[in-house]
Amino acid sequence: MEYTVPHFNSWKVLEMPLLGYLGFPPFALEYYLSWQAFLLLRSRILSRGGVIPVLALVAVLGLCLAAFWGIDRCTVVY
């Protein structure tokens, strides 16, 4: 498996393009904000009950799977 960043493959550190490492800080911030949003929504949704929490979980899992599929399709060369 080889990691690539289209048009920026010249400088590599441990088989990963140097510019690829710039994605880690925004990802960490995105993860933190997503977790905070999840906690906020969970407290509001659980106070109401019903089918909405299950639908929200299915939607989040679907989006995560779609994101990982897109990441693998665009950045990993087999």
C-alpha atoms as a PDB file:
ATOM      1  CA  MET A   1       0.000   0.000   0.000  1.00  0.00           C
ATOM      2  CA  GLU A   2       1.335   3.451  -0.870  1.00  0.00           C
ATOM      3  CA  TYR A   3       0.024   6.791   0.358  1.00  0.00           C
ATOM      4  CA  THR A   4      -0.128   9.586  -2.177  1.00  0.00           C
ATOM      5  CA  VAL A   5      -1.113  13.227  -2.319  1.00  0.00           C
ATOM      6  CA  PRO A   6      -1.925  14.064  -5.947  1.00  0.00           C
ATOM      7  CA  HIS A   7       0.642  16.431  -7.513  1.00  0.00           C
ATOM      8  CA  PHE A   8       2.766  16.581  -4.309  1.00  0.00           C
ATOM      9  CA  ASN A   9       4.617  13.241  -4.184  1.00  0.00           C
ATOM     10  CA  SER A  10       8.188  14.535  -4.397  1.00  0.00           C
ATOM     11  CA  TRP A  11       9.164  14.820  -0.687  1.00  0.00           C
ATOM     12  CA  LYS A  12       8.368  11.811   1.496  1.00  0.00           C
ATOM     13  CA  VAL A  13       8.859  11.031   5.185  1.00  0.00           C
ATOM     14  CA  LEU A  14       8.333   7.368   6.118  1.00  0.00           C
ATOM     15  CA  GLU A  15       6.670   6.648   2.749  1.00  0.00           C
ATOM     16  CA  MET A  16       4.126   9.464   3.197  1.00  0.00           C
ATOM     17  CA  PRO A  17       4.323  12.753   1.295  1.00  0.00           C
ATOM     18  CA  LEU A  18       5.415  15.614   3.549  1.00  0.00           C
ATOM     19  CA  LEU A  19       2.321  17.685   2.759  1.00  0.00           C
ATOM     20  CA  GLY A  20       0.148  14.779   3.871  1.00  0.00           C
ATOM     21  CA  TYR A  21       1.152  15.450   7.479  1.00  0.00           C
ATOM     22  CA  LEU A  22      -0.482  18.881   7.307  1.00  0.00           C
ATOM     23  CA  GLY A  23      -3.868  17.149   7.444  1.00  0.00           C
ATOM     24  CA  PHE A  24      -3.429  15.868  10.992  1.00  0.00           C
ATOM     25  CA  PRO A  25      -4.016  19.144  12.943  1.00  0.00           C
ATOM     26  CA  PRO A  26      -7.265  20.014  11.084  1.00  0.00           C
ATOM     27  CA  PHE A  27      -8.400  16.405  11.530  1.00  0.00           C
ATOM     28  CA  ALA A  28      -7.792  16.616  15.292  1.00  0.00           C
ATOM     29  CA  LEU A  29      -9.783  19.855  15.494  1.00  0.00           C
ATOM     30  CA  GLU A  30     -12.580  18.356  13.400  1.00  0.00           C
ATOM     31  CA  TYR A  31     -12.687  15.282  15.621  1.00  0.00           C
ATOM     32  CA  TYR A  32     -12.867  17.407  18.800  1.00  0.00           C
ATOM     33  CA  LEU A  33     -15.661  19.581  17.393  1.00  0.00           C
ATOM     34  CA  SER A  34     -17.559  16.534  16.154  1.00  0.00           C
ATOM     35  CA  TRP A  35     -17.330  14.938  19.589  1.00  0.00           C
ATOM     36  CA  GLN A  36     -18.605  18.099  21.281  1.00  0.00           C
ATOM     37  CA  ALA A  37     -21.489  18.311  18.793  1.00  0.00           C
ATOM     38  CA  PHE A  38     -22.273  14.643  19.446  1.00  0.00           C
ATOM     39  CA  LEU A  39     -22.392  15.216  23.202  1.00  0.00           C
ATOM     40  CA  LEU A  40     -24.664  18.233  22.780  1.00  0.00           C
ATOM     41  CA  LEU A  41     -27.031  16.438  20.404  1.00  0.00           C
ATOM     42  CA  ARG A  42     -27.045  13.310  22.533  1.00  0.00           C
ATOM     43  CA  SER A  43     -28.163  15.217  25.598  1.00  0.00           C
ATOM     44  CA  ARG A  44     -30.954  16.927  23.626  1.00  0.00           C
ATOM     45  CA  ILE A  45     -32.102  13.814  21.755  1.00  0.00           C
ATOM     46  CA  LEU A  46     -32.044  11.471  24.753  1.00  0.00           C
ATOM     47  CA  SER A  47     -34.197  13.869  26.720  1.00  0.00           C
ATOM     48  CA  ARG A  48     -36.916  13.437  24.045  1.00  0.00           C
ATOM     49  CA  GLY A  49     -36.571   9.683  23.356  1.00  0.00           C
ATOM     50  CA  GLY A  50     -38.091   7.893  20.358  1.00  0.00           C
ATOM     51  CA  VAL A  51     -36.701   6.662  17.053  1.00  0.00           C
ATOM     52  CA  ILE A  52     -34.572   9.739  16.326  1.00  0.00           C
ATOM     53  CA  PRO A  53     -31.445   8.512  18.185  1.00  0.00           C
ATOM     54  CA  VAL A  54     -31.401   5.325  16.115  1.00  0.00           C
ATOM     55  CA  LEU A  55     -31.823   7.237  12.849  1.00  0.00           C
ATOM     56  CA  ALA A  56     -29.098   9.676  13.863  1.00  0.00           C
ATOM     57  CA  LEU A  57     -26.723   6.792  14.619  1.00  0.00           C
ATOM     58  CA  VAL A  58     -27.436   5.173  11.240  1.00  0.00           C
ATOM     59  CA  ALA A  59     -26.860   8.495   9.463  1.00  0.00           C
ATOM     60  CA  VAL A  60     -23.551   9.114  11.246  1.00  0.00           C
ATOM     61  CA  LEU A  61     -22.304   5.598  10.520  1.00  0.00           C
ATOM     62  CA  GLY A  62     -23.298   5.962   6.865  1.00  0.00           C
ATOM     63  CA  LEU A  63     -21.431   9.256   6.558  1.00  0.00           C
ATOM     64  CA  CYS A  64     -18.341   7.771   8.212  1.00  0.00           C
ATOM     65  CA  LEU A  65     -18.327   4.803   5.852  1.00  0.00           C
ATOM     66  CA  ALA A  66     -18.768   7.089   2.837  1.00  0.00           C
ATOM     67  CA  ALA A  67     -15.913   9.323   4.025  1.00  0.00           C
ATOM     68  CA  PHE A  68     -13.516   6.409   4.527  1.00  0.00           C
ATOM     69  CA  TRP A  69     -14.458   4.955   1.138  1.00  0.00           C
ATOM     70  CA  GLY A  70     -13.732   8.323  -0.489  1.00  0.00           C
ATOM     71  CA  ILE A  71     -10.429   8.712   1.348  1.00  0.00           C
ATOM     72  CA  ASP A  72      -9.260   5.257   0.273  1.00  0.00           C
ATOM     73  CA  ARG A  73     -10.394   5.778  -3.303  1.00  0.00           C
ATOM     74  CA  CYS A  74      -8.543   9.099  -3.693  1.00  0.00           C
ATOM     75  CA  THR A  75      -5.358   8.647  -1.638  1.00  0.00           C
ATOM     76  CA  VAL A  76      -4.348   4.962  -1.487  1.00  0.00           C
ATOM     77  CA  VAL A  77      -2.675   3.266  -4.449  1.00  0.00           C
ATOM     78  CA  TYR A  78      -2.564  -0.544  -4.330  1.00  0.00           C
END
